[in-house]
């Protein structure tokens, strides 16, 4: 991962943590931020094709919205198969330096923040990025609205360009 961040000029933004960042709560505690500022990356299979959805730490996947967006029921990749499909181990899954063919989608729940912290490839790291930087460096396919249970901000457009 360090090589990837070196190549895109963001290596100085990686935060190597003494504590685990494998869960939203652990990452928030280790980074001394609110859980919603953690950009959690969830891995799914659609007809045996892997995809990632990055949501704010306080958002959950809404199964009805997911099915409306992807035309299939949300089915997470089994934990023991995540690294094979995605290229990162559970707890360190992030939208960077992925296996070929893995699509990345960003949930609108992230748009209310200036900066967020996605994982940086393992269970003891994160990287501080603006939402626009996340979109750029994750090579996101598009913005989606598949999250629920987060406090929507009326100033945030439903889908960012």
C-alpha atoms as a PDB file:
ATOM      1  CA  UNK A   1       0.000   0.000   0.000  1.00  0.00           C
ATOM      2  CA  UNK A   2       2.795   2.419   0.818  1.00  0.00           C
ATOM      3  CA  UNK A   3       3.990   2.154  -2.783  1.00  0.00           C
ATOM      4  CA  UNK A   4       0.510   3.080  -4.054  1.00  0.00           C
ATOM      5  CA  UNK A   5       0.323   6.136  -1.794  1.00  0.00           C
ATOM      6  CA  UNK A   6       3.907   7.101  -2.729  1.00  0.00           C
ATOM      7  CA  UNK A   7       2.940   6.969  -6.417  1.00  0.00           C
ATOM      8  CA  UNK A   8      -0.078   9.256  -5.942  1.00  0.00           C
ATOM      9  CA  UNK A   9       1.779  11.627  -3.597  1.00  0.00           C
ATOM     10  CA  UNK A  10      -0.212  10.869  -0.450  1.00  0.00           C
ATOM     11  CA  UNK A  11       2.238   8.780   1.573  1.00  0.00           C
ATOM     12  CA  UNK A  12       2.589  11.594   4.127  1.00  0.00           C
ATOM     13  CA  UNK A  13      -1.151  11.325   4.885  1.00  0.00           C
ATOM     14  CA  UNK A  14      -1.015   7.694   6.030  1.00  0.00           C
ATOM     15  CA  UNK A  15      -1.514   7.326   9.742  1.00  0.00           C
ATOM     16  CA  UNK A  16       0.122   4.185  11.124  1.00  0.00           C
ATOM     17  CA  UNK A  17      -1.658   3.331  14.354  1.00  0.00           C
ATOM     18  CA  UNK A  18      -0.565   1.472  17.480  1.00  0.00           C
ATOM     19  CA  UNK A  19      -4.169   0.449  18.064  1.00  0.00           C
ATOM     20  CA  UNK A  20      -6.341  -1.585  15.721  1.00  0.00           C
ATOM     21  CA  UNK A  21      -8.413   0.267  13.142  1.00  0.00           C
ATOM     22  CA  UNK A  22     -10.252  -2.868  11.977  1.00  0.00           C
ATOM     23  CA  UNK A  23     -13.691  -1.617  13.032  1.00  0.00           C
ATOM     24  CA  UNK A  24     -15.298   1.807  12.819  1.00  0.00           C
ATOM     25  CA  UNK A  25     -15.221   2.231  16.602  1.00  0.00           C
ATOM     26  CA  UNK A  26     -11.594   1.111  16.905  1.00  0.00           C
ATOM     27  CA  UNK A  27     -10.530   3.397  14.060  1.00  0.00           C
ATOM     28  CA  UNK A  28     -12.384   6.382  15.523  1.00  0.00           C
ATOM     29  CA  UNK A  29     -10.788   5.833  18.911  1.00  0.00           C
ATOM     30  CA  UNK A  30      -7.306   5.367  17.431  1.00  0.00           C
ATOM     31  CA  UNK A  31      -7.684   8.488  15.258  1.00  0.00           C
ATOM     32  CA  UNK A  32      -9.420  10.532  17.960  1.00  0.00           C
ATOM     33  CA  UNK A  33     -12.360  11.394  15.705  1.00  0.00           C
ATOM     34  CA  UNK A  34     -16.084  10.761  15.579  1.00  0.00           C
ATOM     35  CA  UNK A  35     -17.107   7.356  14.152  1.00  0.00           C
ATOM     36  CA  UNK A  36     -19.024   8.961  11.290  1.00  0.00           C
ATOM     37  CA  UNK A  37     -15.708  10.338   9.925  1.00  0.00           C
ATOM     38  CA  UNK A  38     -14.444   6.811   9.315  1.00  0.00           C
ATOM     39  CA  UNK A  39     -15.014   5.786   5.703  1.00  0.00           C
ATOM     40  CA  UNK A  40     -15.892   2.120   6.011  1.00  0.00           C
ATOM     41  CA  UNK A  41     -15.435  -0.035   2.951  1.00  0.00           C
ATOM     42  CA  UNK A  42     -17.847  -2.931   2.592  1.00  0.00           C
ATOM     43  CA  UNK A  43     -17.308  -5.757   0.105  1.00  0.00           C
ATOM     44  CA  UNK A  44     -20.119  -7.412  -1.837  1.00  0.00           C
ATOM     45  CA  UNK A  45     -20.620  -9.942  -4.614  1.00  0.00           C
ATOM     46  CA  UNK A  46     -23.016  -9.339  -7.492  1.00  0.00           C
ATOM     47  CA  UNK A  47     -23.228 -12.404  -9.736  1.00  0.00           C
ATOM     48  CA  UNK A  48     -19.719 -13.448  -8.581  1.00  0.00           C
ATOM     49  CA  UNK A  49     -18.286  -9.975  -9.376  1.00  0.00           C
ATOM     50  CA  UNK A  50     -16.814  -8.135  -6.368  1.00  0.00           C
ATOM     51  CA  UNK A  51     -17.661  -4.539  -5.614  1.00  0.00           C
ATOM     52  CA  UNK A  52     -16.933  -2.153  -2.785  1.00  0.00           C
ATOM     53  CA  UNK A  53     -19.248   0.418  -1.265  1.00  0.00           C
ATOM     54  CA  UNK A  54     -17.636   3.094   0.894  1.00  0.00           C
ATOM     55  CA  UNK A  55     -19.995   4.620   3.475  1.00  0.00           C
ATOM     56  CA  UNK A  56     -19.690   6.989   6.410  1.00  0.00           C
ATOM     57  CA  UNK A  57     -19.025   5.210   9.686  1.00  0.00           C
ATOM     58  CA  UNK A  58     -22.505   5.932  11.006  1.00  0.00           C
ATOM     59  CA  UNK A  59     -24.332   4.628   7.908  1.00  0.00           C
ATOM     60  CA  UNK A  60     -25.642   1.124   7.375  1.00  0.00           C
ATOM     61  CA  UNK A  61     -26.497  -0.501   4.059  1.00  0.00           C
ATOM     62  CA  UNK A  62     -30.188  -0.220   3.248  1.00  0.00           C
ATOM     63  CA  UNK A  63     -31.049  -3.499   1.523  1.00  0.00           C
ATOM     64  CA  UNK A  64     -33.925  -2.002  -0.484  1.00  0.00           C
ATOM     65  CA  UNK A  65     -31.777   0.872  -1.771  1.00  0.00           C
ATOM     66  CA  UNK A  66     -28.934  -1.537  -2.547  1.00  0.00           C
ATOM     67  CA  UNK A  67     -31.222  -3.782  -4.582  1.00  0.00           C
ATOM     68  CA  UNK A  68     -32.694  -0.780  -6.418  1.00  0.00           C
ATOM     69  CA  UNK A  69     -29.184   0.463  -7.276  1.00  0.00           C
ATOM     70  CA  UNK A  70     -27.505  -2.834  -8.208  1.00  0.00           C
ATOM     71  CA  UNK A  71     -30.563  -4.929  -9.160  1.00  0.00           C
ATOM     72  CA  UNK A  72     -29.490  -7.687  -6.772  1.00  0.00           C
ATOM     73  CA  UNK A  73     -29.772  -8.342  -3.070  1.00  0.00           C
ATOM     74  CA  UNK A  74     -26.817  -7.186  -0.955  1.00  0.00           C
ATOM     75  CA  UNK A  75     -24.589 -10.205  -0.346  1.00  0.00           C
ATOM     76  CA  UNK A  76     -21.353  -9.574   1.505  1.00  0.00           C
ATOM     77  CA  UNK A  77     -18.254 -11.502   0.521  1.00  0.00           C
ATOM     78  CA  UNK A  78     -17.564 -14.229   3.108  1.00  0.00           C
ATOM     79  CA  UNK A  79     -14.760 -13.136   5.440  1.00  0.00           C
ATOM     80  CA  UNK A  80     -12.425 -15.946   4.375  1.00  0.00           C
ATOM     81  CA  UNK A  81     -12.756 -14.913   0.704  1.00  0.00           C
ATOM     82  CA  UNK A  82     -12.367 -11.132   1.010  1.00  0.00           C
ATOM     83  CA  UNK A  83      -8.618 -11.011   0.354  1.00  0.00           C
ATOM     84  CA  UNK A  84      -8.945 -13.329  -2.662  1.00  0.00           C
ATOM     85  CA  UNK A  85     -11.638 -11.144  -4.262  1.00  0.00           C
ATOM     86  CA  UNK A  86     -10.519  -7.672  -3.162  1.00  0.00           C
ATOM     87  CA  UNK A  87      -6.798  -7.841  -2.445  1.00  0.00           C
ATOM     88  CA  UNK A  88      -6.985  -6.731   1.191  1.00  0.00           C
ATOM     89  CA  UNK A  89      -7.651  -8.663   4.388  1.00  0.00           C
ATOM     90  CA  UNK A  90     -10.811  -8.009   6.436  1.00  0.00           C
ATOM     91  CA  UNK A  91     -10.268  -5.065   8.748  1.00  0.00           C
ATOM     92  CA  UNK A  92      -7.975  -3.397   6.227  1.00  0.00           C
ATOM     93  CA  UNK A  93     -10.245  -3.349   3.185  1.00  0.00           C
ATOM     94  CA  UNK A  94      -9.976  -0.001   1.461  1.00  0.00           C
ATOM     95  CA  UNK A  95     -10.800   1.335  -2.010  1.00  0.00           C
ATOM     96  CA  UNK A  96      -7.151   1.624  -3.124  1.00  0.00           C
ATOM     97  CA  UNK A  97      -4.747  -0.748  -4.922  1.00  0.00           C
ATOM     98  CA  UNK A  98      -7.418  -3.360  -5.544  1.00  0.00           C
ATOM     99  CA  UNK A  99      -7.476  -6.561  -7.528  1.00  0.00           C
ATOM    100  CA  UNK A 100      -8.323  -5.971 -11.168  1.00  0.00           C
ATOM    101  CA  UNK A 101     -12.031  -5.638 -11.921  1.00  0.00           C
ATOM    102  CA  UNK A 102     -13.189  -4.551  -8.449  1.00  0.00           C
ATOM    103  CA  UNK A 103     -15.599  -1.638  -8.831  1.00  0.00           C
ATOM    104  CA  UNK A 104     -15.821   1.062  -6.172  1.00  0.00           C
ATOM    105  CA  UNK A 105     -18.951   3.049  -5.297  1.00  0.00           C
ATOM    106  CA  UNK A 106     -19.127   5.939  -2.841  1.00  0.00           C
ATOM    107  CA  UNK A 107     -22.230   6.450  -0.739  1.00  0.00           C
ATOM    108  CA  UNK A 108     -23.660   9.960  -0.392  1.00  0.00           C
ATOM    109  CA  UNK A 109     -23.403   9.642   3.412  1.00  0.00           C
ATOM    110  CA  UNK A 110     -19.746  10.708   2.986  1.00  0.00           C
ATOM    111  CA  UNK A 111     -20.566  14.005   1.277  1.00  0.00           C
ATOM    112  CA  UNK A 112     -21.303  15.885   4.486  1.00  0.00           C
ATOM    113  CA  UNK A 113     -17.664  15.846   5.626  1.00  0.00           C
ATOM    114  CA  UNK A 114     -14.642  17.890   4.660  1.00  0.00           C
ATOM    115  CA  UNK A 115     -12.270  15.037   5.544  1.00  0.00           C
ATOM    116  CA  UNK A 116     -12.755  11.330   6.123  1.00  0.00           C
ATOM    117  CA  UNK A 117     -10.506   8.417   7.081  1.00  0.00           C
ATOM    118  CA  UNK A 118     -10.602   5.245   4.981  1.00  0.00           C
ATOM    119  CA  UNK A 119      -8.337   2.331   5.856  1.00  0.00           C
ATOM    120  CA  UNK A 120      -4.931   2.266   4.196  1.00  0.00           C
ATOM    121  CA  UNK A 121      -4.710  -1.451   3.502  1.00  0.00           C
ATOM    122  CA  UNK A 122      -4.285  -3.079   6.897  1.00  0.00           C
ATOM    123  CA  UNK A 123      -5.768  -3.224  10.393  1.00  0.00           C
ATOM    124  CA  UNK A 124      -3.478  -0.544  11.839  1.00  0.00           C
ATOM    125  CA  UNK A 125      -3.626   2.310   9.358  1.00  0.00           C
ATOM    126  CA  UNK A 126      -5.817   4.991   7.846  1.00  0.00           C
ATOM    127  CA  UNK A 127      -5.379   7.873   5.434  1.00  0.00           C
ATOM    128  CA  UNK A 128      -6.881  11.343   5.806  1.00  0.00           C
ATOM    129  CA  UNK A 129      -8.564  12.467   2.581  1.00  0.00           C
ATOM    130  CA  UNK A 130     -11.082  14.992   1.387  1.00  0.00           C
ATOM    131  CA  UNK A 131     -14.177  13.471  -0.190  1.00  0.00           C
ATOM    132  CA  UNK A 132     -13.014  14.637  -3.633  1.00  0.00           C
ATOM    133  CA  UNK A 133      -9.604  13.031  -3.052  1.00  0.00           C
ATOM    134  CA  UNK A 134     -11.307   9.796  -2.040  1.00  0.00           C
ATOM    135  CA  UNK A 135     -13.318   9.820  -5.263  1.00  0.00           C
ATOM    136  CA  UNK A 136     -10.217  10.498  -7.353  1.00  0.00           C
ATOM    137  CA  UNK A 137      -7.759   8.074  -5.760  1.00  0.00           C
ATOM    138  CA  UNK A 138     -10.268   5.268  -5.285  1.00  0.00           C
ATOM    139  CA  UNK A 139     -11.164   5.506  -8.985  1.00  0.00           C
ATOM    140  CA  UNK A 140     -14.780   5.417  -7.881  1.00  0.00           C
ATOM    141  CA  UNK A 141     -17.257   4.291 -10.491  1.00  0.00           C
ATOM    142  CA  UNK A 142     -19.953   6.666  -9.213  1.00  0.00           C
ATOM    143  CA  UNK A 143     -21.827   8.026  -6.226  1.00  0.00           C
ATOM    144  CA  UNK A 144     -24.719   5.938  -4.936  1.00  0.00           C
ATOM    145  CA  UNK A 145     -27.369   6.319  -2.249  1.00  0.00           C
ATOM    146  CA  UNK A 146     -27.514   2.945  -0.497  1.00  0.00           C
ATOM    147  CA  UNK A 147     -27.013   3.991   3.125  1.00  0.00           C
ATOM    148  CA  UNK A 148     -29.464   4.472   5.958  1.00  0.00           C
ATOM    149  CA  UNK A 149     -29.563   5.589   9.590  1.00  0.00           C
ATOM    150  CA  UNK A 150     -27.258   8.560   9.108  1.00  0.00           C
ATOM    151  CA  UNK A 151     -28.419  12.130   9.700  1.00  0.00           C
ATOM    152  CA  UNK A 152     -28.887  13.510   6.210  1.00  0.00           C
ATOM    153  CA  UNK A 153     -27.753  17.074   5.671  1.00  0.00           C
ATOM    154  CA  UNK A 154     -30.233  19.071   3.572  1.00  0.00           C
ATOM    155  CA  UNK A 155     -27.288  20.983   2.033  1.00  0.00           C
ATOM    156  CA  UNK A 156     -25.792  17.761   0.626  1.00  0.00           C
ATOM    157  CA  UNK A 157     -26.984  16.942  -2.862  1.00  0.00           C
ATOM    158  CA  UNK A 158     -28.332  13.391  -3.176  1.00  0.00           C
ATOM    159  CA  UNK A 159     -25.758  12.423  -5.801  1.00  0.00           C
ATOM    160  CA  UNK A 160     -22.482  14.214  -6.334  1.00  0.00           C
ATOM    161  CA  UNK A 161     -21.080  14.568  -9.840  1.00  0.00           C
END
